[in-house]
């Protein structure tokens, strides 16, 4: 996800008290959600929790994980919001989380919540190719349907994707390839793709935005960003890779040692509320909460109604355990 470098010491958004003379609570939230998502969710949370001040610091997945670990002895935040489960499962981060059985968490299927109630994931994101159809025609390449298709020399210098070390999107893409193809063939495919890569970005959404602007033909990015671009009229086609379509869960958790524990638990409960679910449906392709209406953008972009048909069955525990090793090898082989 995108790193907001200029905001590392500033809060992205704050929901302030509207109607009462004194704050009933104030929390600090760390998040890897996209800026526009945070703004949309907080607008609703402010209405539902008018007596709660919610200060949010937004960082990319990699930088947020590093910050949590650096602050382990003296936690500075109360809540972790929208953070990749792959990263949460790292013991260095998982051990920093406290138990919270959020209201309604039992309605989530078991694979979307921690058996010890240290995290739960009501939403997620999935990888997709954003293909600029005008530029594709100009370079005379066929519409790519898989990662293997992107090794075609016709795409030389025409592809951008996120750096897996800084972007959760980039890491899920690499993880899906390795889990799907196996270690040997997976790393070979990653190396075969590299000559066609124009650059690796620190942001998961940026490759799609670069493709929609016509800077490159293919941006390996996020499905929802692709759907937004299509809805906005850009010459884009969204392609869910037919071989290894990776996805990631975005989890919420209570940070152990919170000095605002009661308020933090209230906010975490809100993230599983009906009002939160409604705004998720307007901003997410992957929602794990039962009964949430399908996004109109998903319909317009042709996203399958049953995502299990296209998503690769990710092993998040394995990804989490191997994360550092995977990133280190990626940097050795193709990192720039």
Protein backbone atom coordinates (compact mmCIF):
# COMPACT_ATOMS: atom_id res chain seq x y z
CA UNK A 1 0.00 0.00 0.00
CA UNK A 2 1.07 3.52 -0.58
CA UNK A 3 3.63 5.10 1.73
CA UNK A 4 2.89 8.69 2.75
CA UNK A 5 6.45 9.78 3.42
CA UNK A 6 5.65 13.39 4.17
CA UNK A 7 3.19 12.43 6.89
CA UNK A 8 5.24 10.17 9.10
CA UNK A 9 5.01 12.63 11.97
CA UNK A 10 1.52 13.98 11.29
CA UNK A 11 -1.94 12.57 11.61
CA UNK A 12 -3.75 11.92 8.38
CA UNK A 13 -7.24 12.42 9.77
CA UNK A 14 -8.96 13.21 13.03
CA UNK A 15 -12.58 12.84 14.03
CA UNK A 16 -13.43 15.54 16.57
CA UNK A 17 -16.19 15.90 19.14
CA UNK A 18 -19.32 17.43 17.68
CA UNK A 19 -21.92 17.78 20.39
CA UNK A 20 -20.54 17.28 23.91
CA UNK A 21 -18.35 19.61 25.97
CA UNK A 22 -15.70 17.03 26.83
CA UNK A 23 -14.20 14.10 25.00
CA UNK A 24 -15.43 10.73 26.13
CA UNK A 25 -12.34 9.17 24.64
CA UNK A 26 -9.42 9.64 22.29
CA UNK A 27 -7.41 6.99 20.50
CA UNK A 28 -4.44 6.77 18.21
CA UNK A 29 -4.87 4.38 15.31
CA UNK A 30 -2.15 3.03 13.01
CA UNK A 31 -3.38 2.01 9.57
CA UNK A 32 -2.15 0.79 6.18
CA UNK A 33 -5.49 1.45 4.48
CA UNK A 34 -5.50 3.82 1.50
CA UNK A 35 -5.96 7.53 2.29
CA UNK A 36 -9.32 7.79 0.56
CA UNK A 37 -10.62 4.71 2.37
CA UNK A 38 -9.66 6.12 5.75
CA UNK A 39 -11.46 9.37 5.01
CA UNK A 40 -14.62 7.51 3.93
CA UNK A 41 -14.64 5.22 6.96
CA UNK A 42 -13.93 7.98 9.46
CA UNK A 43 -16.77 10.09 8.09
CA UNK A 44 -19.17 7.30 9.10
CA UNK A 45 -17.38 6.47 12.36
CA UNK A 46 -17.69 10.12 13.42
CA UNK A 47 -21.45 9.88 13.08
CA UNK A 48 -21.65 6.61 14.99
CA UNK A 49 -19.12 7.54 17.70
CA UNK A 50 -19.50 11.32 18.05
CA UNK A 51 -17.87 11.42 21.49
CA UNK A 52 -14.70 9.67 20.33
CA UNK A 53 -11.67 11.42 18.86
CA UNK A 54 -9.92 9.13 16.38
CA UNK A 55 -6.40 10.13 15.33
CA UNK A 56 -5.04 8.07 12.43
CA UNK A 57 -1.47 7.73 11.27
CA UNK A 58 -1.26 6.09 7.85
CA UNK A 59 1.89 4.28 6.70
CA UNK A 60 2.71 1.70 4.08
CA UNK A 61 2.55 -1.91 5.24
CA UNK A 62 6.31 -2.36 5.52
CA UNK A 63 6.95 0.91 7.34
CA UNK A 64 4.04 0.37 9.70
CA UNK A 65 5.35 -3.03 10.72
CA UNK A 66 8.78 -1.56 11.36
CA UNK A 67 7.28 1.23 13.45
CA UNK A 68 5.29 -1.18 15.61
CA UNK A 69 8.38 -3.24 16.32
CA UNK A 70 10.46 -0.14 17.09
CA UNK A 71 7.83 1.04 19.58
CA UNK A 72 7.32 -2.36 21.20
CA UNK A 73 8.75 -1.30 24.56
CA UNK A 74 6.68 1.89 24.59
CA UNK A 75 3.55 1.58 22.40
CA UNK A 76 2.36 4.87 20.91
CA UNK A 77 -0.89 3.62 19.38
CA UNK A 78 -4.05 1.97 20.68
CA UNK A 79 -5.44 0.27 17.58
CA UNK A 80 -4.06 -1.44 14.50
CA UNK A 81 -6.54 -0.93 11.66
CA UNK A 82 -6.48 -2.48 8.19
CA UNK A 83 -3.08 -4.16 8.49
CA UNK A 84 -2.01 -7.17 6.43
CA UNK A 85 -2.61 -10.47 8.22
CA UNK A 86 0.61 -11.82 6.71
CA UNK A 87 2.48 -9.18 8.72
CA UNK A 88 0.35 -9.61 11.84
CA UNK A 89 1.25 -13.30 11.97
CA UNK A 90 4.90 -12.43 12.42
CA UNK A 91 5.62 -13.16 16.12
CA UNK A 92 7.35 -9.78 16.45
CA UNK A 93 3.98 -8.11 15.79
CA UNK A 94 1.47 -10.76 16.92
CA UNK A 95 2.97 -10.69 20.42
CA UNK A 96 2.26 -6.95 20.64
CA UNK A 97 -1.49 -7.49 20.32
CA UNK A 98 -4.02 -7.88 23.12
CA UNK A 99 -7.11 -10.09 23.22
CA UNK A 100 -10.35 -8.47 22.12
CA UNK A 101 -13.47 -10.44 21.23
CA UNK A 102 -15.14 -7.80 19.09
CA UNK A 103 -18.92 -7.61 19.04
CA UNK A 104 -20.09 -9.66 16.05
CA UNK A 105 -16.73 -11.33 15.43
CA UNK A 106 -18.39 -14.75 15.76
CA UNK A 107 -20.26 -14.06 12.51
CA UNK A 108 -16.99 -14.01 10.58
CA UNK A 109 -15.89 -17.33 9.06
CA UNK A 110 -13.07 -18.87 11.09
CA UNK A 111 -10.38 -18.17 8.48
CA UNK A 112 -10.96 -14.44 8.86
CA UNK A 113 -10.33 -14.21 12.62
CA UNK A 114 -7.70 -15.29 15.10
CA UNK A 115 -8.66 -18.27 17.31
CA UNK A 116 -7.18 -16.36 20.26
CA UNK A 117 -9.07 -13.16 19.33
CA UNK A 118 -5.99 -11.05 18.78
CA UNK A 119 -7.12 -9.95 15.30
CA UNK A 120 -10.08 -10.11 12.94
CA UNK A 121 -10.32 -9.17 9.27
CA UNK A 122 -13.64 -7.83 7.92
CA UNK A 123 -12.08 -6.74 4.63
CA UNK A 124 -9.20 -7.52 2.30
CA UNK A 125 -7.68 -6.65 -1.03
CA UNK A 126 -6.82 -8.66 -4.12
CA UNK A 127 -4.24 -8.26 -6.82
CA UNK A 128 -5.15 -7.45 -10.41
CA UNK A 129 -3.57 -6.21 -13.63
CA UNK A 130 -4.62 -2.74 -14.73
CA UNK A 131 -4.18 -2.79 -18.49
CA UNK A 132 -4.27 0.41 -20.51
CA UNK A 133 -6.09 -0.77 -23.64
CA UNK A 134 -4.95 2.16 -25.82
CA UNK A 135 -1.30 1.65 -24.99
CA UNK A 136 -1.69 -2.12 -25.38
CA UNK A 137 -2.88 -1.57 -28.94
CA UNK A 138 0.01 0.79 -29.61
CA UNK A 139 2.66 -1.75 -28.59
CA UNK A 140 0.87 -4.54 -30.42
CA UNK A 141 0.80 -6.95 -27.51
CA UNK A 142 -2.02 -9.41 -26.70
CA UNK A 143 -4.17 -8.86 -23.61
CA UNK A 144 -2.27 -10.56 -20.76
CA UNK A 145 -4.27 -13.14 -18.82
CA UNK A 146 -1.56 -14.47 -16.49
CA UNK A 147 1.77 -13.63 -14.92
CA UNK A 148 3.42 -15.88 -17.48
CA UNK A 149 1.94 -13.74 -20.27
CA UNK A 150 3.78 -10.72 -18.89
CA UNK A 151 7.14 -12.30 -19.72
CA UNK A 152 6.42 -11.64 -23.42
CA UNK A 153 9.21 -9.37 -24.81
CA UNK A 154 6.46 -7.14 -26.21
CA UNK A 155 5.99 -5.86 -22.64
CA UNK A 156 9.63 -4.78 -22.19
CA UNK A 157 9.62 -1.61 -20.09
CA UNK A 158 5.82 -1.57 -20.10
CA UNK A 159 5.06 -3.04 -16.65
CA UNK A 160 5.15 -1.58 -13.15
CA UNK A 161 4.48 -3.40 -9.88
CA UNK A 162 4.97 -2.70 -6.18
CA UNK A 163 8.12 -3.47 -4.23
CA UNK A 164 7.20 -6.38 -1.90
CA UNK A 165 9.43 -5.00 0.82
CA UNK A 166 7.44 -1.79 1.23
CA UNK A 167 4.04 -2.71 -0.19
CA UNK A 168 1.64 -5.32 1.09
CA UNK A 169 0.23 -5.56 -2.42
CA UNK A 170 3.66 -6.33 -3.84
CA UNK A 171 4.24 -8.99 -1.19
CA UNK A 172 0.93 -10.75 -1.82
CA UNK A 173 1.71 -10.86 -5.54
CA UNK A 174 5.13 -12.44 -4.97
CA UNK A 175 3.73 -14.81 -2.32
CA UNK A 176 0.97 -16.03 -4.64
CA UNK A 177 3.50 -16.77 -7.39
CA UNK A 178 5.78 -18.68 -5.02
CA UNK A 179 2.97 -20.66 -3.40
CA UNK A 180 1.30 -21.39 -6.71
CA UNK A 181 4.32 -22.27 -8.84
CA UNK A 182 6.55 -23.63 -6.09
CA UNK A 183 9.87 -22.25 -4.94
CA UNK A 184 12.05 -23.11 -7.94
CA UNK A 185 9.58 -22.28 -10.72
CA UNK A 186 8.20 -19.32 -8.80
CA UNK A 187 11.54 -17.59 -8.41
CA UNK A 188 12.32 -18.33 -12.03
CA UNK A 189 9.08 -16.66 -13.10
CA UNK A 190 9.87 -13.64 -10.93
CA UNK A 191 13.29 -13.36 -12.58
CA UNK A 192 11.76 -13.79 -16.05
CA UNK A 193 9.35 -10.93 -15.34
CA UNK A 194 12.05 -8.52 -14.21
CA UNK A 195 13.41 -7.52 -17.67
CA UNK A 196 9.96 -6.19 -18.57
CA UNK A 197 9.59 -4.18 -15.35
CA UNK A 198 10.04 -0.45 -15.80
CA UNK A 199 10.08 0.10 -12.04
CA UNK A 200 8.98 -1.19 -8.66
CA UNK A 201 6.92 1.31 -6.66
CA UNK A 202 6.54 1.73 -2.91
CA UNK A 203 2.77 1.95 -3.35
CA UNK A 204 0.32 -0.81 -4.14
CA UNK A 205 -2.15 1.52 -5.87
CA UNK A 206 0.34 3.60 -7.84
CA UNK A 207 1.05 1.03 -10.62
CA UNK A 208 -2.63 1.09 -11.59
CA UNK A 209 -2.77 4.86 -11.54
CA UNK A 210 0.34 5.01 -13.73
CA UNK A 211 -1.28 2.63 -16.21
CA UNK A 212 -4.55 4.57 -16.28
CA UNK A 213 -2.56 7.75 -16.99
CA UNK A 214 -0.95 6.02 -19.98
CA UNK A 215 2.59 6.01 -18.55
CA UNK A 216 2.82 2.23 -18.85
CA UNK A 217 0.73 -0.56 -20.36
CA UNK A 218 0.31 -2.79 -17.31
CA UNK A 219 0.20 -1.94 -13.63
CA UNK A 220 0.21 -4.97 -11.32
CA UNK A 221 -1.89 -3.46 -8.58
CA UNK A 222 -5.18 -3.68 -6.69
CA UNK A 223 -8.54 -4.75 -8.06
CA UNK A 224 -10.45 -1.91 -6.42
CA UNK A 225 -8.15 0.75 -7.88
CA UNK A 226 -8.72 -0.83 -11.29
CA UNK A 227 -12.49 -0.75 -10.75
CA UNK A 228 -12.33 2.92 -9.76
CA UNK A 229 -10.34 3.76 -12.88
CA UNK A 230 -12.81 1.95 -15.12
CA UNK A 231 -15.73 3.75 -13.44
CA UNK A 232 -13.95 7.09 -13.98
CA UNK A 233 -13.71 6.43 -17.71
CA UNK A 234 -10.03 5.64 -18.16
CA UNK A 235 -9.14 3.21 -20.99
CA UNK A 236 -8.53 0.37 -18.55
CA UNK A 237 -9.34 -3.30 -18.42
CA UNK A 238 -9.03 -5.21 -15.16
CA UNK A 239 -7.50 -8.67 -15.43
CA UNK A 240 -7.48 -11.09 -12.51
CA UNK A 241 -4.43 -13.33 -13.22
CA UNK A 242 -5.57 -16.77 -14.31
CA UNK A 243 -2.61 -18.45 -12.66
CA UNK A 244 -1.83 -16.85 -9.28
CA UNK A 245 -4.37 -14.22 -8.20
CA UNK A 246 -3.13 -13.30 -4.75
CA UNK A 247 -5.12 -11.61 -2.02
CA UNK A 248 -4.54 -10.32 1.48
CA UNK A 249 -6.72 -9.83 4.55
CA UNK A 250 -6.74 -6.46 6.31
CA UNK A 251 -7.01 -7.01 10.03
CA UNK A 252 -7.87 -4.93 13.07
CA UNK A 253 -6.43 -5.42 16.54
CA UNK A 254 -6.01 -3.93 20.00
CA UNK A 255 -2.41 -2.99 20.74
CA UNK A 256 -1.29 -4.29 24.11
CA UNK A 257 -0.56 -1.61 26.69
CA UNK A 258 -3.11 0.84 25.28
CA UNK A 259 -3.75 3.72 27.67
CA UNK A 260 -7.17 4.23 26.09
CA UNK A 261 -8.33 0.64 26.17
CA UNK A 262 -12.07 1.17 26.60
CA UNK A 263 -12.26 3.68 23.75
CA UNK A 264 -10.07 1.47 21.56
CA UNK A 265 -12.39 -1.50 22.12
CA UNK A 266 -15.41 0.64 21.18
CA UNK A 267 -13.78 1.60 17.89
CA UNK A 268 -12.85 -2.01 17.12
CA UNK A 269 -16.45 -3.05 17.71
CA UNK A 270 -17.59 -0.32 15.30
CA UNK A 271 -15.39 -1.77 12.53
CA UNK A 272 -17.70 -4.82 12.52
CA UNK A 273 -20.93 -2.81 12.62
CA UNK A 274 -23.61 -2.60 9.93
CA UNK A 275 -22.68 1.01 9.17
CA UNK A 276 -19.05 0.04 8.68
CA UNK A 277 -20.11 -2.82 6.41
CA UNK A 278 -22.10 -0.44 4.24
CA UNK A 279 -19.13 1.86 3.63
CA UNK A 280 -16.87 -1.17 3.04
CA UNK A 281 -19.18 -2.18 0.20
CA UNK A 282 -18.46 1.16 -1.47
CA UNK A 283 -14.68 0.85 -1.17
CA UNK A 284 -13.72 -2.83 -1.23
CA UNK A 285 -13.82 -5.75 -3.62
CA UNK A 286 -13.17 -8.28 -0.85
CA UNK A 287 -15.46 -8.19 2.21
CA UNK A 288 -15.54 -11.15 4.60
CA UNK A 289 -18.63 -10.07 6.56
CA UNK A 290 -21.69 -12.14 5.58
CA UNK A 291 -24.56 -10.44 3.78
CA UNK A 292 -22.75 -7.28 2.68
CA UNK A 293 -24.06 -5.97 -0.67
CA UNK A 294 -21.84 -6.31 -3.72
CA UNK A 295 -20.14 -3.14 -4.96
CA UNK A 296 -21.63 -1.62 -8.16
CA UNK A 297 -18.04 -1.05 -9.29
CA UNK A 298 -17.42 -4.79 -9.13
CA UNK A 299 -20.37 -5.38 -11.41
CA UNK A 300 -19.20 -2.77 -13.92
CA UNK A 301 -15.64 -4.13 -13.98
CA UNK A 302 -16.77 -7.73 -14.44
CA UNK A 303 -15.45 -9.05 -11.14
CA UNK A 304 -16.84 -12.55 -10.53
CA UNK A 305 -19.56 -12.69 -7.89
CA UNK A 306 -17.93 -15.77 -6.35
CA UNK A 307 -14.35 -14.66 -5.73
CA UNK A 308 -13.35 -18.17 -4.71
CA UNK A 309 -13.46 -18.97 -8.43
CA UNK A 310 -10.49 -16.71 -9.15
CA UNK A 311 -8.54 -16.20 -5.92
CA UNK A 312 -5.51 -18.34 -5.19
CA UNK A 313 -5.94 -20.09 -1.78
CA UNK A 314 -3.25 -18.17 0.09
CA UNK A 315 -1.48 -19.72 3.06
CA UNK A 316 -1.09 -16.62 5.23
CA UNK A 317 0.75 -18.41 8.03
CA UNK A 318 3.42 -19.59 5.60
CA UNK A 319 3.66 -16.14 4.02
CA UNK A 320 4.07 -14.56 7.43
CA UNK A 321 6.73 -17.02 8.57
CA UNK A 322 8.73 -16.64 5.36
CA UNK A 323 8.20 -12.93 4.81
CA UNK A 324 11.68 -11.70 5.72
CA UNK A 325 13.37 -14.48 3.78
CA UNK A 326 11.20 -13.87 0.71
CA UNK A 327 11.89 -10.15 0.69
CA UNK A 328 15.62 -10.70 1.20
CA UNK A 329 15.82 -13.12 -1.72
CA UNK A 330 13.70 -10.85 -3.93
CA UNK A 331 16.12 -7.99 -3.25
CA UNK A 332 19.10 -10.21 -4.08
CA UNK A 333 17.58 -11.42 -7.36
CA UNK A 334 15.72 -8.46 -8.82
CA UNK A 335 15.52 -5.60 -6.33
CA UNK A 336 16.47 -2.15 -7.58
